[in-house]
């Protein structure tokens, strides 16, 4: 059963009952503060056929066009490859310093004369997972994607199955991957802007250290040219170093989808994620990305309503060694509103309860749904603040007593 929990700024915020927080324009609690009048949204015009802009901290979609249209992502598919590898590293299944060997077959398939963008790996070369991730993201190395896939799962095909399983798990409902690199595959690999935004959102939230480590490297030095000089390639992100706060993610280009970009930037504590696709040139892609990001930061503002680490509520846990688990905000939660907004908002915690043990610390257990006056709801995930293991008969008896008495 999906439960809505009302949020109050008091000790009752840690209770089990559902609660709603209404805020007046001044920021003081007021049950009658929320009005019904629509709010004028800032205007944005574009010729891009596929565009989407999301405020990560509030979940607000600031602009979208063609967000559900499926298209070939080209090298943007490598973001899913990176997510899978980072997830394996985080779970302890793959050491970052593990050395992989570049096979002759992989080199022949993906060397610089055959396989598009490359980090210039050599047959027989031993290279760490860490360095492969740098080449995968910074210079869009198709050879790096292939080596990671083959060494992790034995073949690119097996790794692709892992990619699709992960895509389904994190909520990419309309996407399918056919290669770990995004190389043309007869139309198998298709994504939507909405799914790419979901992927970027999850990668940045789930693997913040990995995101910071790999996605904003300005250039990569790897391999040597025929004359023996080091090969240095710049990051292909078109706004990195040009737009204040830009720090990821990935470009793509196909004849079908045109010039595309999945990007992110952070300013003043706010992080925006964007997709543009269907642009006619590299310059048009870069200019649209900069214009969209500028509009998102300048026409909208974020107002913090929950601090990072704050406990928003508690949820019952069935058959656990504890009767409840606290839901907390991993990052500051902001409500995103037009610049100068004078309205209020309501916030509701939404979850399925009781949860079933075990519950892992950091797992998603609820959502904070914030509804500003006259604007669509904004959704931010809430995480388990602690582990709850599966309990024995004594724990189940104690839970039953707790639910009867509240003690």
Foldseek 3Di string as FASTA:
>chain_A
DKAKAAFDPDPCLAAAHRGKFWAALVGDTDPPFFDADADDQDDDDDPFQFKWKAWLQFQDTNDTHQQFPKDQQFQLLLLLVLLLVLVCCVVVNFPQFDKFAQAPVLCVCCAPVHNPWALHDDHGDIDGNNLLLQGCWFGVHPSSQQRSCCVVQNGQQRSQVVSVVVLVVLPQPPFHDDGNRSPDDPPRGMGGNNSSVSSVSCCCLVPVVSLQSHFQDQKDWDDADPVGHIDIGGGPQLCRVPAAFWGDDHWRADPTWGTKDWTWGDDPQIIMTMITINDHDPVRHSVVVRVVVVCQPPFKDWDFDFAAFDFRYWAAEAQWLAGIWTWGHNHTRTDMDTPPDSGMKMKIKMFDPDHYDFFAFFDFGIWIWIGTHNDHITIHTTTTHHTIHRHDPVSNVVSVVCVVPVD
